[in-house]
Amino acid sequence: MSLVETYLIWIKKLSVDARLGLIARISDSLRKEAVDRSTQFFATCGKLESEETDDELIDEIRSARYFRDKSIEF
């Protein structure tokens, strides 16, 4: 017996109102899941809001670099 068949046995024991409520909640969760996936994807992309131009930001990043000269002697 599959998982779906097991759930159907339990669902058939519910009242009509309970089944309709379950259908509504499952539908809502599917809609929300579709929206959440795209929102989650775009949330990982990141966005920098700055009034500086691209070139100004690049110059600032390059000027902030710090290099350390490590000499290894054997």
N, C-alpha and C. Protein backbone atom coordinates (compact mmCIF):
# COMPACT_ATOMS: atom_id res chain seq x y z
N MET A 1 0.85 -1.18 0.00
CA MET A 1 0.00 0.00 0.00
C MET A 1 0.90 1.24 0.00
N SER A 2 0.62 2.15 -0.92
CA SER A 2 1.42 3.36 -1.03
C SER A 2 1.02 4.38 0.04
N LEU A 3 1.85 5.36 0.18
CA LEU A 3 1.60 6.43 1.15
C LEU A 3 0.32 7.19 0.78
N VAL A 4 0.13 7.43 -0.50
CA VAL A 4 -1.07 8.15 -0.95
C VAL A 4 -2.33 7.37 -0.60
N GLU A 5 -2.30 6.07 -0.85
CA GLU A 5 -3.47 5.24 -0.52
C GLU A 5 -3.76 5.26 0.98
N THR A 6 -2.72 5.25 1.78
CA THR A 6 -2.89 5.32 3.24
C THR A 6 -3.55 6.63 3.63
N TYR A 7 -3.08 7.74 3.05
CA TYR A 7 -3.69 9.04 3.35
C TYR A 7 -5.15 9.07 2.91
N LEU A 8 -5.45 8.50 1.74
CA LEU A 8 -6.82 8.51 1.24
C LEU A 8 -7.77 7.76 2.18
N ILE A 9 -7.29 6.67 2.76
CA ILE A 9 -8.11 5.93 3.73
C ILE A 9 -8.48 6.83 4.90
N TRP A 10 -7.49 7.56 5.41
CA TRP A 10 -7.73 8.47 6.55
C TRP A 10 -8.62 9.63 6.15
N ILE A 11 -8.40 10.16 4.95
CA ILE A 11 -9.19 11.31 4.50
C ILE A 11 -10.66 10.93 4.32
N LYS A 12 -10.92 9.74 3.83
CA LYS A 12 -12.30 9.29 3.63
C LYS A 12 -13.08 9.23 4.94
N LYS A 13 -12.38 9.09 6.04
CA LYS A 13 -13.03 9.02 7.35
C LYS A 13 -13.42 10.40 7.88
N LEU A 14 -12.91 11.45 7.25
CA LEU A 14 -13.20 12.82 7.69
C LEU A 14 -14.56 13.27 7.17
N SER A 15 -15.11 14.27 7.84
CA SER A 15 -16.37 14.85 7.37
C SER A 15 -16.12 15.66 6.10
N VAL A 16 -17.18 16.00 5.40
CA VAL A 16 -17.06 16.78 4.17
C VAL A 16 -16.42 18.13 4.46
N ASP A 17 -16.84 18.78 5.54
CA ASP A 17 -16.27 20.08 5.90
C ASP A 17 -14.77 19.97 6.19
N ALA A 18 -14.40 18.92 6.89
CA ALA A 18 -12.98 18.73 7.21
C ALA A 18 -12.17 18.49 5.95
N ARG A 19 -12.72 17.70 5.01
CA ARG A 19 -12.02 17.46 3.74
C ARG A 19 -11.87 18.74 2.93
N LEU A 20 -12.95 19.54 2.87
CA LEU A 20 -12.86 20.80 2.14
C LEU A 20 -11.84 21.74 2.78
N GLY A 21 -11.81 21.76 4.11
CA GLY A 21 -10.81 22.57 4.80
C GLY A 21 -9.40 22.11 4.50
N LEU A 22 -9.22 20.80 4.45
CA LEU A 22 -7.91 20.23 4.13
C LEU A 22 -7.49 20.60 2.70
N ILE A 23 -8.42 20.51 1.78
CA ILE A 23 -8.13 20.88 0.38
C ILE A 23 -7.74 22.35 0.30
N ALA A 24 -8.46 23.20 1.02
CA ALA A 24 -8.14 24.63 1.00
C ALA A 24 -6.74 24.90 1.57
N ARG A 25 -6.42 24.23 2.66
CA ARG A 25 -5.10 24.45 3.28
C ARG A 25 -3.98 23.94 2.39
N ILE A 26 -4.19 22.78 1.75
CA ILE A 26 -3.17 22.26 0.84
C ILE A 26 -2.99 23.19 -0.35
N SER A 27 -4.09 23.68 -0.90
CA SER A 27 -4.01 24.62 -2.02
C SER A 27 -3.25 25.88 -1.64
N ASP A 28 -3.56 26.42 -0.47
CA ASP A 28 -2.87 27.63 0.00
C ASP A 28 -1.38 27.37 0.18
N SER A 29 -1.03 26.21 0.73
CA SER A 29 0.38 25.91 0.95
C SER A 29 1.12 25.76 -0.38
N LEU A 30 0.47 25.21 -1.39
CA LEU A 30 1.10 25.08 -2.70
C LEU A 30 1.32 26.44 -3.35
N ARG A 31 0.34 27.32 -3.23
CA ARG A 31 0.49 28.67 -3.78
C ARG A 31 1.61 29.42 -3.06
N LYS A 32 1.62 29.31 -1.75
CA LYS A 32 2.64 30.00 -0.96
C LYS A 32 4.02 29.45 -1.27
N GLU A 33 4.12 28.14 -1.43
CA GLU A 33 5.41 27.52 -1.73
C GLU A 33 5.96 28.02 -3.06
N ALA A 34 5.11 28.18 -4.06
CA ALA A 34 5.56 28.68 -5.36
C ALA A 34 6.09 30.10 -5.23
N VAL A 35 5.43 30.92 -4.47
CA VAL A 35 5.88 32.30 -4.26
C VAL A 35 7.16 32.32 -3.43
N ASP A 36 7.21 31.51 -2.39
CA ASP A 36 8.38 31.48 -1.51
C ASP A 36 9.64 31.05 -2.25
N ARG A 37 9.53 30.10 -3.16
CA ARG A 37 10.72 29.64 -3.88
C ARG A 37 11.34 30.76 -4.70
N SER A 38 10.53 31.52 -5.41
CA SER A 38 11.10 32.60 -6.21
C SER A 38 11.63 33.71 -5.30
N THR A 39 10.93 33.98 -4.22
CA THR A 39 11.40 34.99 -3.27
C THR A 39 12.72 34.57 -2.64
N GLN A 40 12.82 33.31 -2.26
CA GLN A 40 14.06 32.81 -1.67
C GLN A 40 15.21 32.89 -2.66
N PHE A 41 14.94 32.57 -3.92
CA PHE A 41 16.00 32.63 -4.92
C PHE A 41 16.53 34.05 -5.06
N PHE A 42 15.63 35.01 -5.22
CA PHE A 42 16.07 36.38 -5.42
C PHE A 42 16.68 36.98 -4.16
N ALA A 43 16.32 36.46 -3.00
CA ALA A 43 16.91 36.94 -1.75
C ALA A 43 18.38 36.55 -1.65
N THR A 44 18.78 35.48 -2.32
CA THR A 44 20.18 35.05 -2.26
C THR A 44 21.06 35.83 -3.23
N CYS A 45 20.46 36.58 -4.13
CA CYS A 45 21.23 37.28 -5.15
C CYS A 45 21.94 38.52 -4.59
N GLY A 46 21.36 39.15 -3.63
CA GLY A 46 21.97 40.32 -3.03
C GLY A 46 21.92 41.54 -3.94
N LYS A 47 21.84 42.68 -3.33
CA LYS A 47 21.75 43.92 -4.09
C LYS A 47 22.42 45.00 -3.26
N LEU A 48 23.29 45.74 -3.89
CA LEU A 48 23.96 46.83 -3.22
C LEU A 48 23.29 48.13 -3.62
N GLU A 49 22.77 48.82 -2.64
CA GLU A 49 22.16 50.11 -2.93
C GLU A 49 23.14 51.20 -2.52
N SER A 50 23.63 51.91 -3.50
CA SER A 50 24.62 52.94 -3.25
C SER A 50 24.44 54.04 -4.29
N GLU A 51 24.80 55.23 -3.90
CA GLU A 51 24.72 56.34 -4.85
C GLU A 51 26.02 56.49 -5.62
N GLU A 52 27.03 55.70 -5.27
CA GLU A 52 28.29 55.74 -5.99
C GLU A 52 28.15 55.02 -7.33
N THR A 53 28.92 55.47 -8.29
CA THR A 53 28.93 54.80 -9.59
C THR A 53 29.71 53.50 -9.47
N ASP A 54 29.58 52.67 -10.49
CA ASP A 54 30.32 51.40 -10.51
C ASP A 54 31.82 51.63 -10.40
N ASP A 55 32.31 52.59 -11.16
CA ASP A 55 33.75 52.87 -11.15
C ASP A 55 34.22 53.36 -9.80
N GLU A 56 33.40 54.16 -9.13
CA GLU A 56 33.77 54.64 -7.80
C GLU A 56 33.83 53.49 -6.80
N LEU A 57 32.89 52.58 -6.89
CA LEU A 57 32.90 51.43 -5.99
C LEU A 57 34.12 50.54 -6.25
N ILE A 58 34.43 50.32 -7.50
CA ILE A 58 35.60 49.50 -7.84
C ILE A 58 36.87 50.14 -7.31
N ASP A 59 37.01 51.44 -7.51
CA ASP A 59 38.18 52.16 -7.01
C ASP A 59 38.28 52.07 -5.48
N GLU A 60 37.14 52.20 -4.81
CA GLU A 60 37.13 52.11 -3.35
C GLU A 60 37.56 50.73 -2.87
N ILE A 61 37.07 49.71 -3.52
CA ILE A 61 37.43 48.34 -3.15
C ILE A 61 38.92 48.10 -3.39
N ARG A 62 39.40 48.53 -4.52
CA ARG A 62 40.82 48.34 -4.83
C ARG A 62 41.72 49.11 -3.88
N SER A 63 41.31 50.29 -3.50
CA SER A 63 42.15 51.09 -2.59
C SER A 63 42.12 50.53 -1.17
N ALA A 64 41.09 49.77 -0.83
CA ALA A 64 41.00 49.20 0.51
C ALA A 64 41.76 47.89 0.66
N ARG A 65 42.26 47.37 -0.43
CA ARG A 65 43.02 46.12 -0.36
C ARG A 65 44.30 46.31 0.43
N TYR A 66 44.64 45.29 1.15
CA TYR A 66 45.87 45.34 1.94
C TYR A 66 46.65 44.08 1.66
N PHE A 67 47.86 44.24 1.18
CA PHE A 67 48.71 43.10 0.89
C PHE A 67 49.87 43.09 1.86
N ARG A 68 50.17 41.93 2.33
CA ARG A 68 51.26 41.76 3.28
C ARG A 68 52.35 40.96 2.58
N ASP A 69 53.56 41.43 2.67
CA ASP A 69 54.67 40.72 2.04
C ASP A 69 55.20 39.70 3.05
N LYS A 70 54.97 38.45 2.74
CA LYS A 70 55.46 37.39 3.61
C LYS A 70 56.71 36.79 2.97
N SER A 71 57.76 36.85 3.69
CA SER A 71 58.98 36.23 3.23
C SER A 71 59.18 34.95 4.02
N ILE A 72 59.36 33.89 3.31
CA ILE A 72 59.58 32.61 3.97
C ILE A 72 61.03 32.22 3.73
N GLU A 73 61.73 32.05 4.82
CA GLU A 73 63.14 31.68 4.72
C GLU A 73 63.30 30.25 5.19
N PHE A 74 64.11 29.51 4.43
CA PHE A 74 64.37 28.11 4.80
C PHE A 74 65.75 27.95 5.33
